[in-house]
Every structure is written in structure tokens, then in C-alpha cells.
Amino acid sequence: MERRGERGGSWLCLCDCGNKIVLPASDFVSGGQIACGCKKGKGMLKHGMWDTTFYKKWDGMHRRCTNPTMHNYELYGGRGIKCIWKSFEDFRDDMYVSYLAHNKRNEYTSIERIDNNGNYCKENCRWANRVEQANNRRTNKNILYNGRTQTMSQWADEFGMPKTTLWGRLKRGIEFEKAIV
């Protein structure tokens, strides 16, 4: 691939196949893969999905686990969380069909680890919307009541009360059974 352009900003790239694409200079500095999506370019991505939301979710997940310069690395790779998928193609083969199905039903779709202390892998990942993501944070306080465990927000929703009311009652030391009345 030929690279033409000025230092910084973006570069006009000419692929071996003849396609032209503008890429940010950071793609070259960070060692990111350069691609137009074709299969002719030497060393190009073969999947043609580099500019999709799905690929960006893979990239973010992968970098959180492997790049110590990422702002949130200490919450993922720094805690020993690994991305078990060795390539984007492996991730795509395992997760793309379920991503499309989830994305069709939800305005927001994000990758979520079922066990927050576990690795990113097919067995431990699912797609989640914002509410599901919020209910699966490791900082949540889960409450066991009548044989079921839910977050305080989920219980507040179930009992039709504002979350702040339930939180305030629990914070004041009121037992859960009395706080939900």
C-alpha cells in the first residue's frame, strides 16, 4: 500500500487493488492494520469489517486487555482479564450472528462478560443493552430476597419504587423487607 499525505492528521492511502481510502495518521503510528477491505492488498485485513461497529467492539475489548497505555487497562488486562480470541476472525465466527440478533432488538449493544472476573471468551460473553450492562457491574451490591438475587435497582423496579428511595432506606440501616414496603 502506498501512503501519501502530510505528517499528522489523515493520510490518503492507495491500496494495491486501486481503492483509495483516507485513514488517520494514528493508524500508522499505533501499528494498526491498514485496510480498504479488499483481498488483494499485501498484509491487508481479509474480513473487510474494519470500519464496522462490530469490529470496533472487538478492537476496544482486545486493547483493554492487551495495551497498558489504554486509560482503562488496569480494570481489564491489569487485573488479569484476557481476550481468549486470538484474532478478529475467531471473534467474528463465534459472536457475529448473536450480535446481529441482539442489535436488531436493542438500540444499544455491547459485549459483556457474564463473570466479571472471567476472560473474554465465547462461554463467558454475551451481548447486553445499557440496563443489562449496568446490572452486571462488579461494584453492584446484590441482594438476596425470597431465594432470588438481584441488584438494588432491579428490586426497586420490581417493587415499583424509586431507586433513590430504596437506596436511602437501606443506607439508613432499614432491613430490606421493611425498606421495600
N, C-alpha and C. Protein backbone atom coordinates (compact mmCIF):
# COMPACT_ATOMS: atom_id res chain seq x y z
N MET A 1 0.84 -1.17 0.00
CA MET A 1 0.00 0.00 0.00
C MET A 1 0.89 1.23 0.00
N GLU A 2 0.62 2.14 -0.87
CA GLU A 2 1.32 3.41 -0.94
C GLU A 2 0.66 4.39 0.01
N ARG A 3 1.43 5.18 0.73
CA ARG A 3 0.87 6.18 1.63
C ARG A 3 1.28 7.57 1.14
N ARG A 4 0.29 8.42 0.97
CA ARG A 4 0.58 9.78 0.57
C ARG A 4 -0.11 10.73 1.53
N GLY A 5 0.51 11.82 1.88
CA GLY A 5 -0.14 12.80 2.73
C GLY A 5 0.86 13.54 3.58
N GLU A 6 0.37 14.38 4.39
CA GLU A 6 1.20 15.20 5.27
C GLU A 6 1.31 14.51 6.63
N ARG A 7 2.30 14.92 7.38
CA ARG A 7 2.50 14.37 8.72
C ARG A 7 1.33 14.75 9.62
N GLY A 8 0.85 13.78 10.43
CA GLY A 8 -0.29 14.04 11.32
C GLY A 8 -1.59 14.05 10.55
N GLY A 9 -2.67 14.35 11.23
CA GLY A 9 -3.97 14.42 10.55
C GLY A 9 -4.36 13.10 9.94
N SER A 10 -4.66 13.13 8.65
CA SER A 10 -5.04 11.91 7.97
C SER A 10 -4.23 11.74 6.69
N TRP A 11 -4.19 10.52 6.21
CA TRP A 11 -3.41 10.18 5.03
C TRP A 11 -4.32 9.58 3.98
N LEU A 12 -4.04 9.92 2.73
CA LEU A 12 -4.71 9.27 1.62
C LEU A 12 -3.89 8.05 1.27
N CYS A 13 -4.52 6.90 1.30
CA CYS A 13 -3.82 5.64 1.05
C CYS A 13 -4.35 5.03 -0.24
N LEU A 14 -3.43 4.48 -1.00
CA LEU A 14 -3.78 3.80 -2.24
C LEU A 14 -3.45 2.33 -2.09
N CYS A 15 -4.48 1.52 -2.13
CA CYS A 15 -4.31 0.07 -1.98
C CYS A 15 -3.79 -0.53 -3.28
N ASP A 16 -3.20 -1.70 -3.18
CA ASP A 16 -2.72 -2.42 -4.37
C ASP A 16 -3.85 -2.70 -5.35
N CYS A 17 -5.10 -2.77 -4.85
CA CYS A 17 -6.23 -3.06 -5.72
C CYS A 17 -6.73 -1.81 -6.45
N GLY A 18 -6.19 -0.63 -6.08
CA GLY A 18 -6.60 0.61 -6.73
C GLY A 18 -7.56 1.46 -5.91
N ASN A 19 -8.12 0.91 -4.83
CA ASN A 19 -9.02 1.69 -3.97
C ASN A 19 -8.24 2.75 -3.21
N LYS A 20 -8.86 3.91 -3.05
CA LYS A 20 -8.29 4.97 -2.23
C LYS A 20 -9.10 5.07 -0.95
N ILE A 21 -8.40 5.28 0.15
CA ILE A 21 -9.07 5.42 1.44
C ILE A 21 -8.28 6.40 2.30
N VAL A 22 -9.01 7.22 3.06
CA VAL A 22 -8.37 8.18 3.97
C VAL A 22 -8.37 7.56 5.36
N LEU A 23 -7.18 7.49 5.96
CA LEU A 23 -7.03 6.90 7.29
C LEU A 23 -6.34 7.90 8.21
N PRO A 24 -6.68 7.89 9.51
CA PRO A 24 -5.98 8.77 10.45
C PRO A 24 -4.52 8.35 10.58
N ALA A 25 -3.66 9.35 10.76
CA ALA A 25 -2.23 9.07 10.90
C ALA A 25 -1.96 8.15 12.08
N SER A 26 -2.81 8.20 13.10
CA SER A 26 -2.62 7.36 14.27
C SER A 26 -2.66 5.87 13.93
N ASP A 27 -3.33 5.49 12.84
CA ASP A 27 -3.35 4.09 12.43
C ASP A 27 -1.95 3.59 12.08
N PHE A 28 -1.13 4.49 11.59
CA PHE A 28 0.23 4.11 11.20
C PHE A 28 1.14 4.11 12.41
N VAL A 29 0.97 5.10 13.29
CA VAL A 29 1.81 5.23 14.47
C VAL A 29 1.54 4.11 15.46
N SER A 30 0.24 3.77 15.66
CA SER A 30 -0.12 2.76 16.65
C SER A 30 0.11 1.33 16.17
N GLY A 31 0.50 1.19 14.91
CA GLY A 31 0.73 -0.14 14.37
C GLY A 31 -0.55 -0.84 13.98
N GLY A 32 -1.64 -0.07 13.88
CA GLY A 32 -2.92 -0.64 13.46
C GLY A 32 -2.82 -1.19 12.05
N GLN A 33 -3.70 -2.09 11.71
CA GLN A 33 -3.68 -2.65 10.37
C GLN A 33 -4.32 -1.68 9.40
N ILE A 34 -3.74 -1.55 8.25
CA ILE A 34 -4.22 -0.64 7.22
C ILE A 34 -4.98 -1.47 6.21
N ALA A 35 -6.21 -1.03 5.89
CA ALA A 35 -7.02 -1.86 5.01
C ALA A 35 -8.07 -1.05 4.29
N CYS A 36 -8.36 -1.46 3.07
CA CYS A 36 -9.51 -0.91 2.35
C CYS A 36 -10.65 -1.91 2.40
N GLY A 37 -10.36 -3.12 2.83
CA GLY A 37 -11.37 -4.17 2.91
C GLY A 37 -11.26 -5.19 1.80
N CYS A 38 -10.35 -4.98 0.86
CA CYS A 38 -10.21 -5.91 -0.25
C CYS A 38 -9.39 -7.13 0.15
N LYS A 39 -9.22 -8.04 -0.78
CA LYS A 39 -8.41 -9.22 -0.51
C LYS A 39 -7.14 -9.23 -1.34
N LYS A 40 -6.89 -8.14 -2.08
CA LYS A 40 -5.72 -8.10 -2.95
C LYS A 40 -4.51 -7.48 -2.29
N GLY A 41 -4.74 -6.52 -1.39
CA GLY A 41 -3.64 -5.79 -0.77
C GLY A 41 -2.75 -6.70 0.06
N LYS A 42 -1.44 -6.47 -0.02
CA LYS A 42 -0.49 -7.26 0.76
C LYS A 42 -0.64 -6.88 2.23
N GLY A 43 -0.83 -7.88 3.09
CA GLY A 43 -0.94 -7.63 4.52
C GLY A 43 -2.24 -6.96 4.92
N MET A 44 -3.21 -6.93 4.05
CA MET A 44 -4.47 -6.27 4.35
C MET A 44 -5.35 -7.17 5.22
N LEU A 45 -6.29 -6.53 5.89
CA LEU A 45 -7.32 -7.30 6.58
C LEU A 45 -8.14 -8.03 5.54
N LYS A 46 -8.49 -9.24 5.79
CA LYS A 46 -9.24 -10.02 4.83
C LYS A 46 -10.75 -9.98 5.07
N HIS A 47 -11.16 -9.53 6.25
CA HIS A 47 -12.58 -9.60 6.59
C HIS A 47 -13.39 -8.43 6.08
N GLY A 48 -12.78 -7.30 5.75
CA GLY A 48 -13.50 -6.15 5.22
C GLY A 48 -14.43 -5.49 6.22
N MET A 49 -14.24 -5.74 7.51
CA MET A 49 -15.14 -5.19 8.52
C MET A 49 -14.47 -4.14 9.41
N TRP A 50 -13.29 -3.68 9.04
CA TRP A 50 -12.51 -2.81 9.92
C TRP A 50 -13.23 -1.53 10.31
N ASP A 51 -14.20 -1.06 9.51
CA ASP A 51 -14.87 0.19 9.83
C ASP A 51 -16.28 -0.01 10.38
N THR A 52 -16.60 -1.23 10.84
CA THR A 52 -17.93 -1.50 11.38
C THR A 52 -17.95 -1.35 12.90
N THR A 53 -19.13 -1.15 13.44
CA THR A 53 -19.30 -1.08 14.89
C THR A 53 -18.88 -2.39 15.53
N PHE A 54 -19.19 -3.49 14.89
CA PHE A 54 -18.82 -4.80 15.42
C PHE A 54 -17.30 -4.91 15.57
N TYR A 55 -16.55 -4.51 14.55
CA TYR A 55 -15.09 -4.56 14.63
C TYR A 55 -14.58 -3.64 15.74
N LYS A 56 -15.19 -2.47 15.89
CA LYS A 56 -14.75 -1.52 16.92
C LYS A 56 -14.98 -2.10 18.32
N LYS A 57 -16.02 -2.88 18.48
CA LYS A 57 -16.25 -3.53 19.78
C LYS A 57 -15.14 -4.55 20.06
N TRP A 58 -14.76 -5.32 19.04
CA TRP A 58 -13.64 -6.26 19.17
C TRP A 58 -12.35 -5.51 19.52
N ASP A 59 -12.08 -4.46 18.77
CA ASP A 59 -10.84 -3.71 18.94
C ASP A 59 -10.74 -3.12 20.35
N GLY A 60 -11.83 -2.52 20.82
CA GLY A 60 -11.83 -1.95 22.17
C GLY A 60 -11.61 -3.01 23.23
N MET A 61 -12.31 -4.13 23.09
CA MET A 61 -12.17 -5.24 24.03
C MET A 61 -10.73 -5.76 24.03
N HIS A 62 -10.19 -5.97 22.86
CA HIS A 62 -8.84 -6.51 22.72
C HIS A 62 -7.80 -5.55 23.33
N ARG A 63 -7.94 -4.25 23.02
CA ARG A 63 -6.97 -3.29 23.54
C ARG A 63 -7.07 -3.10 25.06
N ARG A 64 -8.30 -3.18 25.62
CA ARG A 64 -8.45 -3.08 27.09
C ARG A 64 -7.66 -4.17 27.79
N CYS A 65 -7.55 -5.32 27.14
CA CYS A 65 -6.87 -6.47 27.75
C CYS A 65 -5.37 -6.53 27.46
N THR A 66 -4.92 -5.88 26.39
CA THR A 66 -3.53 -6.08 25.96
C THR A 66 -2.67 -4.82 25.94
N ASN A 67 -3.27 -3.64 25.98
CA ASN A 67 -2.49 -2.41 25.81
C ASN A 67 -2.41 -1.62 27.11
N PRO A 68 -1.27 -1.68 27.80
CA PRO A 68 -1.11 -0.99 29.09
C PRO A 68 -1.26 0.53 28.99
N THR A 69 -1.21 1.10 27.81
CA THR A 69 -1.37 2.56 27.68
C THR A 69 -2.85 2.97 27.59
N MET A 70 -3.76 2.01 27.47
CA MET A 70 -5.19 2.34 27.45
C MET A 70 -5.60 2.87 28.82
N HIS A 71 -6.48 3.88 28.83
CA HIS A 71 -6.86 4.51 30.09
C HIS A 71 -7.54 3.55 31.06
N ASN A 72 -8.19 2.50 30.59
CA ASN A 72 -8.88 1.57 31.49
C ASN A 72 -8.23 0.18 31.53
N TYR A 73 -6.99 0.09 31.10
CA TYR A 73 -6.28 -1.18 31.09
C TYR A 73 -6.24 -1.82 32.49
N GLU A 74 -6.03 -1.00 33.53
CA GLU A 74 -5.90 -1.55 34.88
C GLU A 74 -7.17 -2.28 35.34
N LEU A 75 -8.31 -1.97 34.73
CA LEU A 75 -9.57 -2.64 35.09
C LEU A 75 -9.77 -3.94 34.32
N TYR A 76 -8.95 -4.19 33.33
CA TYR A 76 -9.10 -5.37 32.49
C TYR A 76 -7.78 -6.15 32.46
N GLY A 77 -6.92 -5.87 31.50
CA GLY A 77 -5.65 -6.58 31.40
C GLY A 77 -4.83 -6.48 32.67
N GLY A 78 -4.89 -5.33 33.32
CA GLY A 78 -4.16 -5.13 34.57
C GLY A 78 -4.67 -6.00 35.71
N ARG A 79 -5.91 -6.48 35.61
CA ARG A 79 -6.48 -7.40 36.61
C ARG A 79 -6.33 -8.85 36.18
N GLY A 80 -5.70 -9.06 35.03
CA GLY A 80 -5.51 -10.43 34.54
C GLY A 80 -6.58 -10.90 33.58
N ILE A 81 -7.51 -10.00 33.20
CA ILE A 81 -8.55 -10.37 32.24
C ILE A 81 -7.91 -10.50 30.86
N LYS A 82 -8.18 -11.60 30.19
CA LYS A 82 -7.59 -11.85 28.87
C LYS A 82 -8.67 -11.95 27.81
N CYS A 83 -8.29 -11.62 26.59
CA CYS A 83 -9.15 -11.85 25.43
C CYS A 83 -8.67 -13.17 24.84
N ILE A 84 -9.49 -14.20 24.96
CA ILE A 84 -9.09 -15.54 24.52
C ILE A 84 -9.09 -15.66 23.00
N TRP A 85 -9.92 -14.86 22.32
CA TRP A 85 -9.92 -14.90 20.85
C TRP A 85 -8.58 -14.41 20.34
N LYS A 86 -7.93 -15.21 19.53
CA LYS A 86 -6.60 -14.87 19.02
C LYS A 86 -6.64 -13.92 17.83
N SER A 87 -7.80 -13.83 17.18
CA SER A 87 -7.92 -12.94 16.02
C SER A 87 -9.35 -12.41 15.92
N PHE A 88 -9.50 -11.34 15.19
CA PHE A 88 -10.84 -10.80 14.95
C PHE A 88 -11.71 -11.85 14.27
N GLU A 89 -11.14 -12.58 13.34
CA GLU A 89 -11.92 -13.59 12.61
C GLU A 89 -12.49 -14.66 13.56
N ASP A 90 -11.70 -15.07 14.56
CA ASP A 90 -12.21 -16.03 15.55
C ASP A 90 -13.38 -15.43 16.33
N PHE A 91 -13.22 -14.18 16.74
CA PHE A 91 -14.29 -13.47 17.45
C PHE A 91 -15.54 -13.37 16.58
N ARG A 92 -15.35 -12.98 15.33
CA ARG A 92 -16.47 -12.84 14.39
C ARG A 92 -17.20 -14.18 14.23
N ASP A 93 -16.44 -15.26 14.07
CA ASP A 93 -17.06 -16.57 13.87
C ASP A 93 -17.90 -17.00 15.07
N ASP A 94 -17.46 -16.63 16.28
CA ASP A 94 -18.19 -17.00 17.49
C ASP A 94 -19.34 -16.07 17.84
N MET A 95 -19.21 -14.76 17.53
CA MET A 95 -20.12 -13.78 18.12
C MET A 95 -20.96 -12.94 17.14
N TYR A 96 -20.67 -13.01 15.86
CA TYR A 96 -21.33 -12.09 14.93
C TYR A 96 -22.83 -12.36 14.77
N VAL A 97 -23.23 -13.61 14.67
CA VAL A 97 -24.65 -13.93 14.49
C VAL A 97 -25.45 -13.46 15.70
N SER A 98 -24.94 -13.72 16.90
CA SER A 98 -25.66 -13.28 18.11
C SER A 98 -25.64 -11.76 18.24
N TYR A 99 -24.57 -11.12 17.77
CA TYR A 99 -24.51 -9.65 17.78
C TYR A 99 -25.62 -9.07 16.89
N LEU A 100 -25.76 -9.61 15.68
CA LEU A 100 -26.79 -9.11 14.76
C LEU A 100 -28.18 -9.28 15.35
N ALA A 101 -28.44 -10.41 15.98
CA ALA A 101 -29.75 -10.67 16.59
C ALA A 101 -30.02 -9.70 17.73
N HIS A 102 -29.02 -9.48 18.58
CA HIS A 102 -29.19 -8.56 19.71
C HIS A 102 -29.35 -7.13 19.22
N ASN A 103 -28.53 -6.76 18.28
CA ASN A 103 -28.54 -5.39 17.76
C ASN A 103 -29.86 -5.05 17.07
N LYS A 104 -30.51 -6.05 16.52
CA LYS A 104 -31.80 -5.86 15.84
C LYS A 104 -32.90 -5.50 16.85
N ARG A 105 -32.80 -6.06 18.05
CA ARG A 105 -33.82 -5.86 19.09
C ARG A 105 -33.51 -4.71 20.05
N ASN A 106 -32.28 -4.20 20.04
CA ASN A 106 -31.86 -3.22 21.04
C ASN A 106 -31.21 -2.01 20.38
N GLU A 107 -31.45 -0.86 20.97
CA GLU A 107 -30.85 0.38 20.47
C GLU A 107 -29.35 0.40 20.72
N TYR A 108 -28.92 -0.24 21.79
CA TYR A 108 -27.51 -0.26 22.19
C TYR A 108 -27.09 -1.70 22.41
N THR A 109 -25.95 -2.07 21.87
CA THR A 109 -25.43 -3.43 22.02
C THR A 109 -23.96 -3.35 22.41
N SER A 110 -23.63 -4.00 23.51
CA SER A 110 -22.25 -4.02 23.99
C SER A 110 -21.87 -5.43 24.41
N ILE A 111 -20.58 -5.72 24.34
CA ILE A 111 -20.11 -7.04 24.78
C ILE A 111 -20.02 -7.02 26.30
N GLU A 112 -20.44 -8.11 26.92
CA GLU A 112 -20.44 -8.18 28.37
C GLU A 112 -19.92 -9.53 28.81
N ARG A 113 -19.07 -9.51 29.84
CA ARG A 113 -18.62 -10.76 30.45
C ARG A 113 -19.63 -11.17 31.51
N ILE A 114 -20.10 -12.38 31.46
CA ILE A 114 -21.07 -12.88 32.42
C ILE A 114 -20.46 -12.89 33.82
N ASP A 115 -19.26 -13.44 33.92
CA ASP A 115 -18.47 -13.39 35.17
C ASP A 115 -17.47 -12.27 35.00
N ASN A 116 -17.64 -11.19 35.75
CA ASN A 116 -16.77 -10.02 35.60
C ASN A 116 -15.31 -10.28 35.91
N ASN A 117 -15.02 -11.37 36.57
CA ASN A 117 -13.62 -11.72 36.85
C ASN A 117 -13.08 -12.71 35.83
N GLY A 118 -13.93 -13.13 34.89
CA GLY A 118 -13.52 -14.10 33.88
C GLY A 118 -13.00 -13.42 32.63
N ASN A 119 -12.47 -14.22 31.74
CA ASN A 119 -11.90 -13.73 30.49
C ASN A 119 -12.98 -13.46 29.44
N TYR A 120 -12.57 -12.73 28.41
CA TYR A 120 -13.42 -12.57 27.23
C TYR A 120 -13.27 -13.83 26.39
N CYS A 121 -14.33 -14.63 26.35
CA CYS A 121 -14.36 -15.85 25.54
C CYS A 121 -15.83 -16.17 25.25
N LYS A 122 -16.05 -17.04 24.31
CA LYS A 122 -17.42 -17.36 23.89
C LYS A 122 -18.29 -17.81 25.06
N GLU A 123 -17.74 -18.63 25.93
CA GLU A 123 -18.51 -19.17 27.05
C GLU A 123 -18.84 -18.12 28.11
N ASN A 124 -18.08 -17.04 28.17
CA ASN A 124 -18.27 -16.03 29.22
C ASN A 124 -18.77 -14.69 28.69
N CYS A 125 -19.14 -14.64 27.42
CA CYS A 125 -19.58 -13.36 26.85
C CYS A 125 -20.98 -13.45 26.27
N ARG A 126 -21.65 -12.34 26.33
CA ARG A 126 -22.96 -12.18 25.71
C ARG A 126 -23.10 -10.72 25.32
N TRP A 127 -24.14 -10.41 24.56
CA TRP A 127 -24.42 -9.04 24.18
C TRP A 127 -25.44 -8.48 25.15
N ALA A 128 -25.27 -7.21 25.51
CA ALA A 128 -26.12 -6.60 26.52
C ALA A 128 -26.49 -5.18 26.12
N ASN A 129 -27.66 -4.74 26.59
CA ASN A 129 -28.04 -3.34 26.41
C ASN A 129 -27.53 -2.55 27.62
N ARG A 130 -27.81 -1.26 27.69
CA ARG A 130 -27.28 -0.41 28.77
C ARG A 130 -27.75 -0.86 30.16
N VAL A 131 -29.02 -1.23 30.28
CA VAL A 131 -29.56 -1.65 31.57
C VAL A 131 -28.89 -2.95 32.02
N GLU A 132 -28.77 -3.90 31.10
CA GLU A 132 -28.12 -5.17 31.43
C GLU A 132 -26.67 -4.95 31.83
N GLN A 133 -25.98 -4.06 31.12
CA GLN A 133 -24.59 -3.72 31.47
C GLN A 133 -24.52 -3.15 32.88
N ALA A 134 -25.42 -2.21 33.18
CA ALA A 134 -25.42 -1.57 34.50
C ALA A 134 -25.69 -2.58 35.61
N ASN A 135 -26.51 -3.57 35.35
CA ASN A 135 -26.84 -4.56 36.37
C ASN A 135 -25.76 -5.63 36.53
N ASN A 136 -24.75 -5.62 35.67
CA ASN A 136 -23.71 -6.64 35.75
C ASN A 136 -22.34 -6.03 36.09
N ARG A 137 -22.34 -4.94 36.82
CA ARG A 137 -21.06 -4.34 37.24
C ARG A 137 -20.58 -5.03 38.50
N ARG A 138 -19.27 -5.15 38.61
CA ARG A 138 -18.74 -5.82 39.80
C ARG A 138 -18.88 -4.95 41.04
N THR A 139 -19.16 -3.65 40.87
CA THR A 139 -19.34 -2.75 42.01
C THR A 139 -20.76 -2.79 42.56
N ASN A 140 -21.69 -3.46 41.87
CA ASN A 140 -23.07 -3.54 42.33
C ASN A 140 -23.17 -4.35 43.62
N LYS A 141 -24.10 -3.94 44.44
CA LYS A 141 -24.41 -4.71 45.65
C LYS A 141 -25.62 -5.58 45.31
N ASN A 142 -25.43 -6.88 45.33
CA ASN A 142 -26.53 -7.81 45.06
C ASN A 142 -27.24 -8.16 46.36
N ILE A 143 -28.56 -8.24 46.27
CA ILE A 143 -29.38 -8.51 47.44
C ILE A 143 -30.15 -9.81 47.22
N LEU A 144 -30.04 -10.73 48.19
CA LEU A 144 -30.77 -11.99 48.16
C LEU A 144 -32.07 -11.79 48.92
N TYR A 145 -33.19 -12.06 48.27
CA TYR A 145 -34.51 -11.92 48.89
C TYR A 145 -35.43 -12.97 48.29
N ASN A 146 -36.10 -13.71 49.15
CA ASN A 146 -37.02 -14.76 48.71
C ASN A 146 -36.38 -15.73 47.71
N GLY A 147 -35.13 -16.08 47.97
CA GLY A 147 -34.44 -17.06 47.14
C GLY A 147 -33.93 -16.53 45.80
N ARG A 148 -34.06 -15.23 45.56
CA ARG A 148 -33.58 -14.62 44.31
C ARG A 148 -32.57 -13.53 44.60
N THR A 149 -31.57 -13.41 43.77
CA THR A 149 -30.56 -12.37 43.91
C THR A 149 -30.69 -11.39 42.76
N GLN A 150 -30.80 -10.12 43.11
CA GLN A 150 -30.86 -9.04 42.11
C GLN A 150 -30.13 -7.82 42.66
N THR A 151 -29.86 -6.88 41.78
CA THR A 151 -29.27 -5.62 42.24
C THR A 151 -30.34 -4.79 42.91
N MET A 152 -29.91 -3.80 43.65
CA MET A 152 -30.85 -2.90 44.32
C MET A 152 -31.75 -2.23 43.29
N SER A 153 -31.22 -1.84 42.15
CA SER A 153 -32.02 -1.21 41.09
C SER A 153 -33.09 -2.16 40.56
N GLN A 154 -32.73 -3.41 40.37
CA GLN A 154 -33.70 -4.39 39.88
C GLN A 154 -34.83 -4.59 40.88
N TRP A 155 -34.48 -4.66 42.19
CA TRP A 155 -35.52 -4.81 43.20
C TRP A 155 -36.42 -3.57 43.23
N ALA A 156 -35.84 -2.39 43.14
CA ALA A 156 -36.64 -1.15 43.14
C ALA A 156 -37.61 -1.16 41.97
N ASP A 157 -37.14 -1.55 40.80
CA ASP A 157 -38.02 -1.64 39.63
C ASP A 157 -39.15 -2.65 39.86
N GLU A 158 -38.78 -3.80 40.42
CA GLU A 158 -39.77 -4.84 40.64
C GLU A 158 -40.87 -4.40 41.61
N PHE A 159 -40.48 -3.64 42.64
CA PHE A 159 -41.46 -3.19 43.62
C PHE A 159 -42.06 -1.82 43.28
N GLY A 160 -41.72 -1.30 42.11
CA GLY A 160 -42.32 -0.05 41.64
C GLY A 160 -41.98 1.16 42.49
N MET A 161 -40.75 1.23 42.95
CA MET A 161 -40.36 2.37 43.78
C MET A 161 -39.10 3.01 43.21
N PRO A 162 -38.90 4.30 43.48
CA PRO A 162 -37.68 4.95 43.00
C PRO A 162 -36.43 4.30 43.60
N LYS A 163 -35.42 4.17 42.80
CA LYS A 163 -34.16 3.58 43.27
C LYS A 163 -33.58 4.37 44.43
N THR A 164 -33.71 5.69 44.35
CA THR A 164 -33.14 6.55 45.41
C THR A 164 -33.84 6.32 46.75
N THR A 165 -35.14 6.02 46.72
CA THR A 165 -35.89 5.75 47.95
C THR A 165 -35.37 4.47 48.60
N LEU A 166 -35.26 3.41 47.81
CA LEU A 166 -34.78 2.14 48.34
C LEU A 166 -33.35 2.29 48.84
N TRP A 167 -32.50 2.94 48.06
CA TRP A 167 -31.11 3.14 48.46
C TRP A 167 -31.02 3.91 49.78
N GLY A 168 -31.81 4.98 49.89
CA GLY A 168 -31.80 5.79 51.11
C GLY A 168 -32.22 4.98 52.33
N ARG A 169 -33.25 4.16 52.18
CA ARG A 169 -33.71 3.33 53.30
C ARG A 169 -32.65 2.32 53.71
N LEU A 170 -32.04 1.67 52.73
CA LEU A 170 -31.00 0.68 53.03
C LEU A 170 -29.79 1.34 53.67
N LYS A 171 -29.46 2.51 53.20
CA LYS A 171 -28.30 3.25 53.72
C LYS A 171 -28.52 3.64 55.19
N ARG A 172 -29.78 3.91 55.53
CA ARG A 172 -30.11 4.27 56.92
C ARG A 172 -30.17 3.03 57.83
N GLY A 173 -29.99 1.86 57.26
CA GLY A 173 -29.95 0.64 58.06
C GLY A 173 -31.27 -0.08 58.18
N ILE A 174 -32.27 0.33 57.41
CA ILE A 174 -33.56 -0.34 57.44
C ILE A 174 -33.41 -1.70 56.75
N GLU A 175 -33.97 -2.73 57.38
CA GLU A 175 -33.90 -4.08 56.79
C GLU A 175 -34.62 -4.08 55.44
N PHE A 176 -34.12 -4.91 54.54
CA PHE A 176 -34.64 -4.93 53.18
C PHE A 176 -36.15 -5.19 53.14
N GLU A 177 -36.62 -6.14 53.93
CA GLU A 177 -38.04 -6.50 53.93
C GLU A 177 -38.92 -5.29 54.27
N LYS A 178 -38.43 -4.41 55.15
CA LYS A 178 -39.18 -3.21 55.55
C LYS A 178 -38.93 -2.07 54.56
N ALA A 179 -37.76 -2.06 53.94
CA ALA A 179 -37.41 -0.97 53.01
C ALA A 179 -38.24 -1.01 51.73
N ILE A 180 -38.72 -2.19 51.36
CA ILE A 180 -39.47 -2.30 50.11
C ILE A 180 -40.96 -2.02 50.26
N VAL A 181 -41.39 -1.77 51.48
CA VAL A 181 -42.83 -1.51 51.74
C VAL A 181 -43.13 -0.04 51.53
